[in-house]
């Protein structure tokens, strides 16, 4: 029984590790969102939650759903190559905030340089 518990703890520990993102190719970045991305650089897309984007100035529209309204948040920024970004609604004054995401170690990641929506 003790071995089973140890094996389960090891399995939970390994599955909880923070994975570094895989980039499409050189010159691209990766973005992940808790809410659907509906427009990329002025072009409407099917709702996406992850996206590989070129390292240029980008503009994304992400829909923040509430019980009563849908808020369309626009983010415009210059994307850095081989960088991960995340859009989330956690602990911010605006419905959504864009962060540069960095893996600190196998168990921890950091959200850096918060960017509020421009619209």
N, C-alpha and C. Protein backbone atom coordinates (compact mmCIF):
# COMPACT_ATOMS: atom_id res chain seq x y z
N UNK A 1 0.83 -1.19 0.00
CA UNK A 1 0.00 0.00 0.00
C UNK A 1 0.87 1.25 0.00
N UNK A 2 1.97 1.19 0.76
CA UNK A 2 2.87 2.34 0.84
C UNK A 2 3.49 2.65 -0.53
N UNK A 3 3.83 1.62 -1.29
CA UNK A 3 4.40 1.81 -2.63
C UNK A 3 3.39 2.46 -3.57
N UNK A 4 2.15 2.08 -3.47
CA UNK A 4 1.11 2.67 -4.32
C UNK A 4 0.96 4.15 -4.02
N UNK A 5 0.97 4.51 -2.77
CA UNK A 5 0.85 5.91 -2.38
C UNK A 5 2.06 6.70 -2.90
N UNK A 6 3.24 6.14 -2.77
CA UNK A 6 4.45 6.81 -3.26
C UNK A 6 4.37 6.98 -4.78
N UNK A 7 3.96 5.95 -5.49
CA UNK A 7 3.83 6.04 -6.95
C UNK A 7 2.80 7.09 -7.35
N UNK A 8 1.70 7.15 -6.65
CA UNK A 8 0.67 8.16 -6.94
C UNK A 8 1.22 9.57 -6.69
N UNK A 9 1.95 9.76 -5.62
CA UNK A 9 2.54 11.07 -5.33
C UNK A 9 3.53 11.48 -6.41
N UNK A 10 4.36 10.55 -6.85
CA UNK A 10 5.32 10.84 -7.92
C UNK A 10 4.59 11.18 -9.21
N UNK A 11 3.54 10.45 -9.53
CA UNK A 11 2.76 10.73 -10.75
C UNK A 11 2.12 12.11 -10.69
N UNK A 12 1.57 12.47 -9.56
CA UNK A 12 0.96 13.80 -9.40
C UNK A 12 2.04 14.87 -9.52
N UNK A 13 3.17 14.66 -8.90
CA UNK A 13 4.27 15.62 -8.96
C UNK A 13 4.73 15.83 -10.39
N UNK A 14 4.92 14.75 -11.15
CA UNK A 14 5.38 14.87 -12.53
C UNK A 14 4.35 15.51 -13.44
N UNK A 15 3.08 15.26 -13.20
CA UNK A 15 2.05 15.86 -14.06
C UNK A 15 1.83 17.33 -13.74
N UNK A 16 2.30 17.78 -12.61
CA UNK A 16 2.13 19.18 -12.21
C UNK A 16 3.27 20.06 -12.71
N UNK A 17 4.24 19.52 -13.38
CA UNK A 17 5.38 20.30 -13.85
C UNK A 17 4.94 21.31 -14.90
N UNK A 18 5.57 22.49 -14.86
CA UNK A 18 5.29 23.56 -15.81
C UNK A 18 6.04 23.26 -17.10
N UNK A 19 5.31 23.15 -18.19
CA UNK A 19 5.90 22.86 -19.49
C UNK A 19 6.23 24.15 -20.23
N UNK A 20 7.42 24.22 -20.79
CA UNK A 20 7.79 25.36 -21.62
C UNK A 20 7.07 25.25 -22.96
N UNK A 21 6.63 26.37 -23.53
CA UNK A 21 5.91 26.29 -24.80
C UNK A 21 6.83 25.89 -25.95
N UNK A 22 6.24 25.30 -26.95
CA UNK A 22 6.96 24.93 -28.17
C UNK A 22 6.55 25.94 -29.23
N UNK A 23 7.53 26.57 -29.85
CA UNK A 23 7.25 27.59 -30.85
C UNK A 23 7.19 26.99 -32.24
N UNK A 24 6.32 27.56 -33.06
CA UNK A 24 6.08 27.06 -34.42
C UNK A 24 7.38 27.01 -35.22
N UNK A 25 8.13 28.10 -35.22
CA UNK A 25 9.42 28.19 -35.89
C UNK A 25 10.09 29.48 -35.45
N UNK A 26 11.30 29.74 -35.92
CA UNK A 26 12.00 30.99 -35.57
C UNK A 26 11.16 32.17 -36.02
N UNK A 27 11.15 33.21 -35.22
CA UNK A 27 10.41 34.41 -35.57
C UNK A 27 8.95 34.38 -35.15
N UNK A 28 8.57 33.37 -34.37
CA UNK A 28 7.19 33.25 -33.90
C UNK A 28 7.13 33.28 -32.38
N UNK A 29 5.98 33.64 -31.88
CA UNK A 29 5.70 33.62 -30.45
C UNK A 29 4.43 32.78 -30.25
N UNK A 30 4.13 32.49 -29.00
CA UNK A 30 2.95 31.68 -28.68
C UNK A 30 2.10 32.45 -27.68
N UNK A 31 0.78 32.45 -27.90
CA UNK A 31 -0.13 33.11 -26.96
C UNK A 31 -1.21 32.13 -26.56
N UNK A 32 -1.55 32.17 -25.27
CA UNK A 32 -2.60 31.33 -24.71
C UNK A 32 -3.58 32.25 -24.00
N UNK A 33 -4.88 31.96 -24.14
CA UNK A 33 -5.90 32.81 -23.53
C UNK A 33 -6.93 31.94 -22.82
N UNK A 34 -7.45 32.45 -21.71
CA UNK A 34 -8.54 31.78 -21.01
C UNK A 34 -9.88 32.02 -21.71
N UNK A 35 -9.91 32.99 -22.60
CA UNK A 35 -11.14 33.37 -23.32
C UNK A 35 -10.85 33.34 -24.81
N UNK A 36 -11.88 33.20 -25.65
CA UNK A 36 -11.65 33.01 -27.08
C UNK A 36 -11.07 34.23 -27.79
N UNK A 37 -10.06 33.97 -28.61
CA UNK A 37 -9.48 34.97 -29.51
C UNK A 37 -10.35 34.94 -30.77
N UNK A 38 -10.94 36.08 -31.14
CA UNK A 38 -11.88 36.10 -32.27
C UNK A 38 -11.38 36.91 -33.46
N UNK A 39 -10.29 37.67 -33.27
CA UNK A 39 -9.74 38.46 -34.37
C UNK A 39 -8.24 38.57 -34.21
N UNK A 40 -7.52 38.38 -35.32
CA UNK A 40 -6.06 38.48 -35.33
C UNK A 40 -5.68 39.48 -36.42
N UNK A 41 -5.11 40.60 -36.01
CA UNK A 41 -4.69 41.65 -36.94
C UNK A 41 -5.80 42.07 -37.89
N UNK A 42 -6.99 42.23 -37.35
CA UNK A 42 -8.13 42.70 -38.12
C UNK A 42 -8.87 41.62 -38.90
N UNK A 43 -8.41 40.39 -38.85
CA UNK A 43 -9.05 39.29 -39.56
C UNK A 43 -9.80 38.42 -38.55
N UNK A 44 -11.11 38.25 -38.78
CA UNK A 44 -11.89 37.40 -37.87
C UNK A 44 -11.48 35.94 -38.06
N UNK A 45 -11.39 35.22 -36.93
CA UNK A 45 -11.03 33.81 -36.94
C UNK A 45 -12.04 33.03 -36.11
N UNK A 46 -12.09 31.74 -36.34
CA UNK A 46 -12.88 30.88 -35.47
C UNK A 46 -12.31 31.02 -34.06
N UNK A 47 -13.13 30.98 -33.03
CA UNK A 47 -12.60 31.17 -31.67
C UNK A 47 -11.45 30.20 -31.35
N UNK A 48 -10.32 30.79 -30.94
CA UNK A 48 -9.11 30.04 -30.60
C UNK A 48 -8.71 30.35 -29.17
N UNK A 49 -8.04 29.43 -28.54
CA UNK A 49 -7.52 29.65 -27.19
C UNK A 49 -6.00 29.64 -27.15
N UNK A 50 -5.38 29.12 -28.17
CA UNK A 50 -3.93 29.18 -28.32
C UNK A 50 -3.63 29.55 -29.76
N UNK A 51 -2.49 30.22 -29.94
CA UNK A 51 -2.18 30.73 -31.27
C UNK A 51 -0.68 30.97 -31.38
N UNK A 52 -0.11 30.61 -32.54
CA UNK A 52 1.26 30.97 -32.86
C UNK A 52 1.19 32.22 -33.73
N UNK A 53 1.92 33.27 -33.34
CA UNK A 53 1.86 34.54 -34.06
C UNK A 53 3.26 35.00 -34.43
N UNK A 54 3.36 35.69 -35.56
CA UNK A 54 4.65 36.20 -36.01
C UNK A 54 5.13 37.30 -35.07
N UNK A 55 6.44 37.45 -34.99
CA UNK A 55 7.04 38.45 -34.10
C UNK A 55 7.07 39.81 -34.80
N UNK A 56 5.93 40.45 -34.85
CA UNK A 56 5.74 41.79 -35.40
C UNK A 56 4.72 42.49 -34.51
N UNK A 57 4.26 43.66 -34.90
CA UNK A 57 3.19 44.28 -34.13
C UNK A 57 1.90 43.52 -34.42
N UNK A 58 1.24 43.07 -33.37
CA UNK A 58 0.02 42.28 -33.50
C UNK A 58 -1.12 42.95 -32.76
N UNK A 59 -2.32 42.67 -33.23
CA UNK A 59 -3.53 43.17 -32.58
C UNK A 59 -4.50 42.00 -32.49
N UNK A 60 -4.92 41.68 -31.26
CA UNK A 60 -5.85 40.58 -31.02
C UNK A 60 -7.10 41.12 -30.35
N UNK A 61 -8.25 40.56 -30.72
CA UNK A 61 -9.51 40.85 -30.03
C UNK A 61 -9.91 39.56 -29.33
N UNK A 62 -10.15 39.68 -28.03
CA UNK A 62 -10.51 38.52 -27.20
C UNK A 62 -11.82 38.84 -26.50
N UNK A 63 -12.75 37.88 -26.52
CA UNK A 63 -14.07 38.09 -25.93
C UNK A 63 -14.07 37.63 -24.49
N UNK A 64 -14.46 38.56 -23.60
CA UNK A 64 -14.63 38.25 -22.18
C UNK A 64 -16.12 38.07 -21.94
N UNK A 65 -16.54 36.83 -21.69
CA UNK A 65 -17.95 36.50 -21.50
C UNK A 65 -18.36 36.71 -20.04
N UNK A 66 -19.50 37.38 -19.84
CA UNK A 66 -20.11 37.46 -18.51
C UNK A 66 -21.55 36.98 -18.66
N UNK A 67 -22.27 36.95 -17.56
CA UNK A 67 -23.66 36.51 -17.63
C UNK A 67 -24.53 37.45 -18.45
N UNK A 68 -24.22 38.74 -18.42
CA UNK A 68 -25.07 39.72 -19.08
C UNK A 68 -24.50 40.28 -20.38
N UNK A 69 -23.17 40.30 -20.52
CA UNK A 69 -22.56 40.96 -21.67
C UNK A 69 -21.35 40.18 -22.16
N UNK A 70 -20.98 40.49 -23.40
CA UNK A 70 -19.71 40.05 -23.96
C UNK A 70 -18.86 41.29 -24.17
N UNK A 71 -17.69 41.34 -23.56
CA UNK A 71 -16.78 42.47 -23.70
C UNK A 71 -15.67 42.08 -24.67
N UNK A 72 -15.47 42.91 -25.67
CA UNK A 72 -14.45 42.66 -26.68
C UNK A 72 -13.21 43.49 -26.31
N UNK A 73 -12.17 42.82 -25.85
CA UNK A 73 -10.94 43.49 -25.42
C UNK A 73 -9.91 43.40 -26.54
N UNK A 74 -9.34 44.55 -26.90
CA UNK A 74 -8.34 44.62 -27.96
C UNK A 74 -6.97 44.84 -27.35
N UNK A 75 -6.03 44.02 -27.73
CA UNK A 75 -4.64 44.14 -27.29
C UNK A 75 -3.76 44.38 -28.51
N UNK A 76 -2.92 45.39 -28.45
CA UNK A 76 -1.98 45.69 -29.52
C UNK A 76 -0.60 45.83 -28.89
N UNK A 77 0.35 45.05 -29.39
CA UNK A 77 1.71 45.10 -28.86
C UNK A 77 2.66 44.51 -29.89
N UNK A 78 3.95 44.79 -29.70
CA UNK A 78 4.98 44.22 -30.56
C UNK A 78 5.45 42.92 -29.93
N UNK A 79 5.21 41.84 -30.63
CA UNK A 79 5.52 40.50 -30.14
C UNK A 79 7.00 40.20 -30.31
N UNK A 80 7.62 39.62 -29.30
CA UNK A 80 9.01 39.19 -29.38
C UNK A 80 9.07 37.73 -29.81
N UNK A 81 10.03 37.40 -30.65
CA UNK A 81 10.19 36.02 -31.12
C UNK A 81 10.54 35.10 -29.95
N UNK A 82 10.09 33.87 -30.04
CA UNK A 82 10.37 32.84 -29.04
C UNK A 82 9.97 33.26 -27.64
N UNK A 83 8.82 33.92 -27.54
CA UNK A 83 8.30 34.38 -26.27
C UNK A 83 6.88 33.85 -26.11
N UNK A 84 6.53 33.50 -24.89
CA UNK A 84 5.17 33.03 -24.61
C UNK A 84 4.38 34.16 -23.96
N UNK A 85 3.11 34.29 -24.34
CA UNK A 85 2.21 35.28 -23.78
C UNK A 85 0.97 34.58 -23.26
N UNK A 86 0.32 35.22 -22.31
CA UNK A 86 -0.91 34.67 -21.73
C UNK A 86 -1.88 35.81 -21.47
N UNK A 87 -3.15 35.58 -21.79
CA UNK A 87 -4.21 36.54 -21.46
C UNK A 87 -5.10 35.88 -20.44
N UNK A 88 -5.31 36.58 -19.31
CA UNK A 88 -6.11 36.02 -18.24
C UNK A 88 -6.93 37.10 -17.56
N UNK A 89 -7.90 36.67 -16.77
CA UNK A 89 -8.77 37.61 -16.05
C UNK A 89 -8.47 37.62 -14.55
N UNK A 90 -7.38 37.05 -14.12
CA UNK A 90 -7.10 36.90 -12.70
C UNK A 90 -6.44 38.13 -12.10
N UNK A 91 -7.05 38.66 -11.02
CA UNK A 91 -6.48 39.70 -10.18
C UNK A 91 -6.06 40.97 -10.92
N UNK A 92 -6.91 41.50 -11.77
CA UNK A 92 -6.58 42.71 -12.52
C UNK A 92 -7.73 43.69 -12.49
N UNK A 93 -7.44 44.95 -12.78
CA UNK A 93 -8.49 45.96 -12.76
C UNK A 93 -9.36 45.93 -14.01
N UNK A 94 -8.83 45.45 -15.13
CA UNK A 94 -9.61 45.31 -16.35
C UNK A 94 -10.07 43.87 -16.49
N UNK A 95 -11.08 43.62 -17.31
CA UNK A 95 -11.54 42.23 -17.44
C UNK A 95 -10.43 41.27 -17.85
N UNK A 96 -9.58 41.69 -18.78
CA UNK A 96 -8.49 40.83 -19.24
C UNK A 96 -7.18 41.61 -19.25
N UNK A 97 -6.09 40.90 -19.03
CA UNK A 97 -4.77 41.49 -19.07
C UNK A 97 -3.83 40.54 -19.81
N UNK A 98 -2.95 41.11 -20.62
CA UNK A 98 -1.95 40.36 -21.37
C UNK A 98 -0.65 40.36 -20.57
N UNK A 99 -0.04 39.18 -20.43
CA UNK A 99 1.22 39.04 -19.72
C UNK A 99 2.23 38.34 -20.62
N UNK A 100 3.51 38.68 -20.41
CA UNK A 100 4.57 37.85 -20.96
C UNK A 100 4.76 36.73 -19.95
N UNK A 101 4.78 35.51 -20.41
CA UNK A 101 4.83 34.34 -19.55
C UNK A 101 6.25 33.77 -19.59
N UNK A 102 6.81 33.49 -18.42
CA UNK A 102 8.16 32.93 -18.36
C UNK A 102 8.19 31.77 -17.39
N UNK A 103 8.81 30.68 -17.81
CA UNK A 103 8.96 29.51 -16.96
C UNK A 103 10.11 29.77 -16.00
N UNK A 104 9.83 29.75 -14.70
CA UNK A 104 10.87 29.98 -13.69
C UNK A 104 11.65 28.70 -13.41
N UNK A 105 10.92 27.60 -13.25
CA UNK A 105 11.54 26.29 -13.02
C UNK A 105 10.48 25.24 -13.31
N UNK A 106 10.74 24.00 -12.98
CA UNK A 106 9.83 22.91 -13.32
C UNK A 106 8.48 23.02 -12.62
N UNK A 107 8.41 23.76 -11.52
CA UNK A 107 7.16 23.85 -10.77
C UNK A 107 6.55 25.24 -10.76
N UNK A 108 7.17 26.21 -11.38
CA UNK A 108 6.71 27.59 -11.23
C UNK A 108 6.86 28.36 -12.54
N UNK A 109 5.88 29.23 -12.82
CA UNK A 109 5.96 30.15 -13.96
C UNK A 109 5.62 31.55 -13.46
N UNK A 110 6.11 32.55 -14.15
CA UNK A 110 5.86 33.94 -13.75
C UNK A 110 5.14 34.68 -14.86
N UNK A 111 4.25 35.58 -14.46
CA UNK A 111 3.60 36.48 -15.39
C UNK A 111 4.29 37.82 -15.27
N UNK A 112 4.84 38.32 -16.37
CA UNK A 112 5.63 39.55 -16.35
C UNK A 112 5.01 40.60 -17.26
N UNK A 113 5.32 41.85 -17.01
CA UNK A 113 4.94 42.98 -17.85
C UNK A 113 3.46 42.99 -18.22
N UNK A 114 2.58 43.23 -17.27
CA UNK A 114 1.15 43.25 -17.59
C UNK A 114 0.82 44.37 -18.57
N UNK A 115 -0.05 44.04 -19.53
CA UNK A 115 -0.51 45.00 -20.52
C UNK A 115 -2.03 45.02 -20.51
N UNK A 116 -2.60 46.19 -20.29
CA UNK A 116 -4.07 46.33 -20.28
C UNK A 116 -4.58 46.46 -21.71
N UNK A 117 -5.84 46.16 -21.93
CA UNK A 117 -6.41 46.31 -23.27
C UNK A 117 -6.41 47.77 -23.70
N UNK A 118 -6.23 48.01 -25.01
CA UNK A 118 -6.26 49.38 -25.53
C UNK A 118 -7.69 49.83 -25.81
N UNK A 119 -8.60 48.88 -25.86
CA UNK A 119 -10.00 49.19 -26.15
C UNK A 119 -10.88 48.10 -25.60
